[in-house]
Amino acid sequence: MTFVRACGLGELEEDTPHRVELDGTPVSVVKTEGEVFAIYDICSHANVSLSEGEVEDCQIECWLHGSRFDLRTGKPSGLPATRPVPVYPVKIEGDDVLVSVTQES
């Protein structure tokens, strides 16, 4: 697994998605409930950026149709989305938030 720097920990505001692109992959990095999560930034239902939505109860909501995705698993918890989105491993090193978007074979 290869981790790359996504952002600084100080750049993250509580419950506010932060969009980055890592190795060509759009990722939303979110600090909530004392943890940092990384989730694929495109809604599986409407193909829009999840980082423009709101975060509550460890879920990110798609701003367009209201689908909600669990930040820990990527599973949808509200229609109209029925397919999960990928989540990515996160490591914190000092003030750096590191994310791995690579898939090991």
N, C-alpha and C. Protein backbone atom coordinates (compact mmCIF):
# COMPACT_ATOMS: atom_id res chain seq x y z
N MET A 1 0.85 -1.17 0.00
CA MET A 1 0.00 0.00 0.00
C MET A 1 0.89 1.24 0.00
N THR A 2 0.63 2.14 -0.92
CA THR A 2 1.41 3.37 -1.03
C THR A 2 0.58 4.55 -0.55
N PHE A 3 1.09 5.24 0.45
CA PHE A 3 0.39 6.41 0.99
C PHE A 3 1.02 7.67 0.41
N VAL A 4 0.15 8.64 0.06
CA VAL A 4 0.61 9.94 -0.41
C VAL A 4 -0.04 11.03 0.43
N ARG A 5 0.64 12.17 0.50
CA ARG A 5 0.10 13.29 1.29
C ARG A 5 -1.13 13.85 0.60
N ALA A 6 -2.23 13.92 1.33
CA ALA A 6 -3.47 14.47 0.81
C ALA A 6 -3.61 15.94 1.19
N CYS A 7 -3.24 16.27 2.44
CA CYS A 7 -3.36 17.63 2.95
C CYS A 7 -2.73 17.69 4.33
N GLY A 8 -2.72 18.87 4.89
CA GLY A 8 -2.28 19.03 6.27
C GLY A 8 -3.47 18.87 7.20
N LEU A 9 -3.24 18.32 8.36
CA LEU A 9 -4.31 18.13 9.33
C LEU A 9 -4.96 19.47 9.67
N GLY A 10 -4.15 20.52 9.73
CA GLY A 10 -4.66 21.86 10.03
C GLY A 10 -5.55 22.44 8.95
N GLU A 11 -5.51 21.86 7.75
CA GLU A 11 -6.37 22.33 6.66
C GLU A 11 -7.80 21.82 6.78
N LEU A 12 -8.01 20.82 7.63
CA LEU A 12 -9.33 20.21 7.76
C LEU A 12 -10.14 20.88 8.84
N GLU A 13 -11.36 21.26 8.50
CA GLU A 13 -12.31 21.78 9.47
C GLU A 13 -13.26 20.65 9.84
N GLU A 14 -13.65 20.58 11.09
CA GLU A 14 -14.55 19.53 11.56
C GLU A 14 -15.83 19.50 10.71
N ASP A 15 -16.19 18.31 10.26
CA ASP A 15 -17.42 18.06 9.50
C ASP A 15 -17.51 18.85 8.20
N THR A 16 -16.37 19.22 7.63
CA THR A 16 -16.34 19.93 6.36
C THR A 16 -15.47 19.16 5.38
N PRO A 17 -16.06 18.60 4.32
CA PRO A 17 -15.28 17.83 3.35
C PRO A 17 -14.22 18.69 2.66
N HIS A 18 -13.07 18.08 2.41
CA HIS A 18 -11.95 18.75 1.75
C HIS A 18 -11.59 17.91 0.52
N ARG A 19 -11.78 18.46 -0.68
CA ARG A 19 -11.55 17.71 -1.91
C ARG A 19 -10.09 17.80 -2.34
N VAL A 20 -9.53 16.64 -2.69
CA VAL A 20 -8.18 16.56 -3.24
C VAL A 20 -8.21 15.56 -4.39
N GLU A 21 -7.17 15.60 -5.22
CA GLU A 21 -7.02 14.59 -6.27
C GLU A 21 -5.69 13.89 -6.03
N LEU A 22 -5.75 12.57 -5.90
CA LEU A 22 -4.57 11.77 -5.61
C LEU A 22 -4.39 10.72 -6.70
N ASP A 23 -3.29 10.80 -7.41
CA ASP A 23 -3.02 9.87 -8.50
C ASP A 23 -4.19 9.79 -9.48
N GLY A 24 -4.81 10.95 -9.76
CA GLY A 24 -5.93 11.01 -10.69
C GLY A 24 -7.27 10.62 -10.11
N THR A 25 -7.32 10.33 -8.82
CA THR A 25 -8.55 9.92 -8.16
C THR A 25 -9.10 11.06 -7.30
N PRO A 26 -10.35 11.47 -7.52
CA PRO A 26 -10.95 12.50 -6.68
C PRO A 26 -11.32 11.91 -5.31
N VAL A 27 -10.86 12.56 -4.25
CA VAL A 27 -11.04 12.06 -2.89
C VAL A 27 -11.57 13.18 -2.01
N SER A 28 -12.51 12.84 -1.16
CA SER A 28 -12.99 13.77 -0.14
C SER A 28 -12.40 13.33 1.19
N VAL A 29 -11.64 14.22 1.82
CA VAL A 29 -11.04 13.94 3.13
C VAL A 29 -11.88 14.67 4.17
N VAL A 30 -12.29 13.94 5.20
CA VAL A 30 -13.21 14.49 6.20
C VAL A 30 -12.72 14.19 7.60
N LYS A 31 -12.68 15.25 8.43
CA LYS A 31 -12.40 15.08 9.86
C LYS A 31 -13.73 15.18 10.60
N THR A 32 -14.08 14.10 11.30
CA THR A 32 -15.33 14.09 12.06
C THR A 32 -15.22 13.10 13.20
N GLU A 33 -15.86 13.39 14.29
CA GLU A 33 -15.91 12.50 15.45
C GLU A 33 -14.52 12.04 15.89
N GLY A 34 -13.53 12.93 15.79
CA GLY A 34 -12.18 12.63 16.24
C GLY A 34 -11.35 11.77 15.31
N GLU A 35 -11.85 11.49 14.12
CA GLU A 35 -11.12 10.67 13.15
C GLU A 35 -11.06 11.38 11.81
N VAL A 36 -10.17 10.90 10.94
CA VAL A 36 -10.07 11.42 9.58
C VAL A 36 -10.37 10.28 8.63
N PHE A 37 -11.23 10.55 7.66
CA PHE A 37 -11.66 9.56 6.69
C PHE A 37 -11.37 10.06 5.28
N ALA A 38 -11.23 9.12 4.35
CA ALA A 38 -11.07 9.45 2.94
C ALA A 38 -12.02 8.57 2.15
N ILE A 39 -12.82 9.22 1.30
CA ILE A 39 -13.84 8.52 0.53
C ILE A 39 -13.81 9.04 -0.90
N TYR A 40 -14.12 8.17 -1.84
CA TYR A 40 -14.18 8.57 -3.25
C TYR A 40 -15.15 9.74 -3.37
N ASP A 41 -14.76 10.77 -4.09
CA ASP A 41 -15.51 12.03 -4.07
C ASP A 41 -16.67 12.09 -5.06
N ILE A 42 -16.99 11.01 -5.74
CA ILE A 42 -18.06 11.05 -6.72
C ILE A 42 -19.21 10.14 -6.28
N CYS A 43 -20.40 10.70 -6.22
CA CYS A 43 -21.60 9.95 -5.83
C CYS A 43 -21.85 8.83 -6.82
N SER A 44 -22.18 7.65 -6.33
CA SER A 44 -22.42 6.49 -7.19
C SER A 44 -23.76 6.58 -7.91
N HIS A 45 -24.60 7.51 -7.51
CA HIS A 45 -25.90 7.66 -8.14
C HIS A 45 -25.91 8.76 -9.20
N ALA A 46 -25.34 9.92 -8.87
CA ALA A 46 -25.53 11.08 -9.74
C ALA A 46 -24.25 11.62 -10.36
N ASN A 47 -23.10 11.02 -10.07
CA ASN A 47 -21.84 11.45 -10.65
C ASN A 47 -21.52 12.92 -10.35
N VAL A 48 -21.77 13.34 -9.11
CA VAL A 48 -21.43 14.70 -8.67
C VAL A 48 -20.51 14.59 -7.45
N SER A 49 -19.84 15.69 -7.13
CA SER A 49 -18.87 15.71 -6.04
C SER A 49 -19.53 15.61 -4.67
N LEU A 50 -19.11 14.61 -3.90
CA LEU A 50 -19.63 14.49 -2.53
C LEU A 50 -19.08 15.56 -1.61
N SER A 51 -17.91 16.10 -1.94
CA SER A 51 -17.29 17.09 -1.05
C SER A 51 -18.08 18.40 -0.99
N GLU A 52 -19.07 18.54 -1.85
CA GLU A 52 -19.93 19.72 -1.80
C GLU A 52 -21.12 19.52 -0.86
N GLY A 53 -21.22 18.31 -0.29
CA GLY A 53 -22.33 18.00 0.60
C GLY A 53 -21.98 18.23 2.06
N GLU A 54 -22.91 17.85 2.92
CA GLU A 54 -22.74 18.03 4.36
C GLU A 54 -22.36 16.72 5.03
N VAL A 55 -21.72 16.86 6.20
CA VAL A 55 -21.30 15.70 7.00
C VAL A 55 -22.04 15.72 8.33
N GLU A 56 -22.59 14.56 8.70
CA GLU A 56 -23.27 14.42 9.98
C GLU A 56 -23.33 12.94 10.34
N ASP A 57 -23.10 12.63 11.61
CA ASP A 57 -23.17 11.25 12.10
C ASP A 57 -22.30 10.30 11.29
N CYS A 58 -21.08 10.73 10.97
CA CYS A 58 -20.10 9.92 10.24
C CYS A 58 -20.60 9.52 8.85
N GLN A 59 -21.43 10.39 8.26
CA GLN A 59 -21.93 10.18 6.91
C GLN A 59 -21.77 11.46 6.12
N ILE A 60 -21.56 11.29 4.81
CA ILE A 60 -21.50 12.43 3.91
C ILE A 60 -22.72 12.36 3.00
N GLU A 61 -23.36 13.52 2.82
CA GLU A 61 -24.58 13.56 2.03
C GLU A 61 -24.32 14.18 0.66
N CYS A 62 -24.83 13.55 -0.37
CA CYS A 62 -24.74 14.11 -1.72
C CYS A 62 -25.69 15.30 -1.79
N TRP A 63 -25.16 16.42 -2.22
CA TRP A 63 -25.95 17.65 -2.24
C TRP A 63 -27.06 17.63 -3.28
N LEU A 64 -26.97 16.77 -4.29
CA LEU A 64 -27.93 16.82 -5.39
C LEU A 64 -29.25 16.11 -5.07
N HIS A 65 -29.18 14.86 -4.62
CA HIS A 65 -30.40 14.10 -4.37
C HIS A 65 -30.52 13.59 -2.93
N GLY A 66 -29.54 13.89 -2.08
CA GLY A 66 -29.65 13.54 -0.67
C GLY A 66 -29.19 12.15 -0.28
N SER A 67 -28.56 11.41 -1.18
CA SER A 67 -28.01 10.11 -0.79
C SER A 67 -26.94 10.33 0.27
N ARG A 68 -26.85 9.42 1.23
CA ARG A 68 -25.85 9.51 2.29
C ARG A 68 -24.96 8.28 2.23
N PHE A 69 -23.65 8.50 2.48
CA PHE A 69 -22.68 7.42 2.45
C PHE A 69 -21.92 7.39 3.76
N ASP A 70 -21.76 6.19 4.32
CA ASP A 70 -21.00 6.02 5.56
C ASP A 70 -19.53 6.26 5.27
N LEU A 71 -18.90 7.15 6.00
CA LEU A 71 -17.49 7.48 5.79
C LEU A 71 -16.55 6.32 6.12
N ARG A 72 -17.01 5.38 6.94
CA ARG A 72 -16.18 4.24 7.33
C ARG A 72 -16.22 3.12 6.31
N THR A 73 -17.36 2.95 5.64
CA THR A 73 -17.53 1.80 4.75
C THR A 73 -17.83 2.17 3.30
N GLY A 74 -18.31 3.37 3.07
CA GLY A 74 -18.71 3.79 1.73
C GLY A 74 -20.11 3.34 1.35
N LYS A 75 -20.77 2.58 2.21
CA LYS A 75 -22.09 2.06 1.89
C LYS A 75 -23.13 3.18 1.95
N PRO A 76 -24.07 3.16 1.00
CA PRO A 76 -25.14 4.16 1.04
C PRO A 76 -26.13 3.86 2.15
N SER A 77 -26.62 4.89 2.79
CA SER A 77 -27.60 4.69 3.85
C SER A 77 -28.89 5.42 3.54
N GLY A 78 -28.99 5.92 2.34
CA GLY A 78 -30.22 6.60 1.94
C GLY A 78 -30.34 6.62 0.43
N LEU A 79 -31.53 6.39 -0.04
CA LEU A 79 -31.79 6.42 -1.48
C LEU A 79 -31.65 7.84 -2.00
N PRO A 80 -31.40 8.03 -3.27
CA PRO A 80 -31.54 7.05 -4.34
C PRO A 80 -30.30 6.19 -4.61
N ALA A 81 -29.17 6.47 -3.99
CA ALA A 81 -27.97 5.65 -4.23
C ALA A 81 -28.16 4.24 -3.67
N THR A 82 -27.71 3.25 -4.43
CA THR A 82 -27.78 1.86 -3.97
C THR A 82 -26.41 1.19 -4.01
N ARG A 83 -25.43 1.83 -4.67
CA ARG A 83 -24.09 1.26 -4.78
C ARG A 83 -23.13 2.02 -3.86
N PRO A 84 -22.24 1.31 -3.19
CA PRO A 84 -21.26 1.99 -2.33
C PRO A 84 -20.21 2.73 -3.15
N VAL A 85 -19.48 3.60 -2.49
CA VAL A 85 -18.32 4.26 -3.09
C VAL A 85 -17.08 3.80 -2.31
N PRO A 86 -15.93 3.77 -2.95
CA PRO A 86 -14.71 3.32 -2.26
C PRO A 86 -14.31 4.23 -1.11
N VAL A 87 -13.77 3.63 -0.06
CA VAL A 87 -13.13 4.36 1.01
C VAL A 87 -11.65 3.98 1.00
N TYR A 88 -10.82 4.85 1.52
CA TYR A 88 -9.37 4.65 1.43
C TYR A 88 -8.72 4.71 2.81
N PRO A 89 -7.67 3.92 3.01
CA PRO A 89 -6.93 3.95 4.27
C PRO A 89 -6.28 5.32 4.49
N VAL A 90 -6.28 5.76 5.75
CA VAL A 90 -5.72 7.06 6.13
C VAL A 90 -4.69 6.84 7.24
N LYS A 91 -3.58 7.56 7.15
CA LYS A 91 -2.58 7.61 8.22
C LYS A 91 -2.29 9.07 8.51
N ILE A 92 -2.06 9.37 9.78
CA ILE A 92 -1.65 10.71 10.18
C ILE A 92 -0.20 10.63 10.63
N GLU A 93 0.67 11.44 10.00
CA GLU A 93 2.07 11.51 10.39
C GLU A 93 2.40 12.97 10.64
N GLY A 94 2.54 13.31 11.92
CA GLY A 94 2.76 14.71 12.28
C GLY A 94 1.53 15.50 11.91
N ASP A 95 1.69 16.51 11.03
CA ASP A 95 0.55 17.31 10.57
C ASP A 95 0.08 16.86 9.18
N ASP A 96 0.64 15.79 8.66
CA ASP A 96 0.28 15.33 7.33
C ASP A 96 -0.80 14.26 7.37
N VAL A 97 -1.79 14.42 6.50
CA VAL A 97 -2.82 13.39 6.31
C VAL A 97 -2.41 12.61 5.06
N LEU A 98 -2.13 11.33 5.24
CA LEU A 98 -1.70 10.46 4.15
C LEU A 98 -2.82 9.50 3.79
N VAL A 99 -3.04 9.32 2.49
CA VAL A 99 -4.12 8.46 2.00
C VAL A 99 -3.54 7.51 0.96
N SER A 100 -4.03 6.29 0.95
CA SER A 100 -3.63 5.31 -0.07
C SER A 100 -4.82 5.04 -0.98
N VAL A 101 -4.67 5.40 -2.26
CA VAL A 101 -5.72 5.10 -3.24
C VAL A 101 -5.31 3.96 -4.15
N THR A 102 -4.14 3.38 -3.90
CA THR A 102 -3.67 2.27 -4.72
C THR A 102 -4.34 0.98 -4.27
N GLN A 103 -4.58 0.11 -5.24
CA GLN A 103 -5.15 -1.19 -4.93
C GLN A 103 -4.07 -2.24 -5.12
N GLU A 104 -3.82 -2.99 -4.08
CA GLU A 104 -2.81 -4.06 -4.16
C GLU A 104 -3.43 -5.28 -4.80
N SER A 105 -2.68 -5.94 -5.64
CA SER A 105 -3.18 -7.16 -6.28
C SER A 105 -2.84 -8.38 -5.47
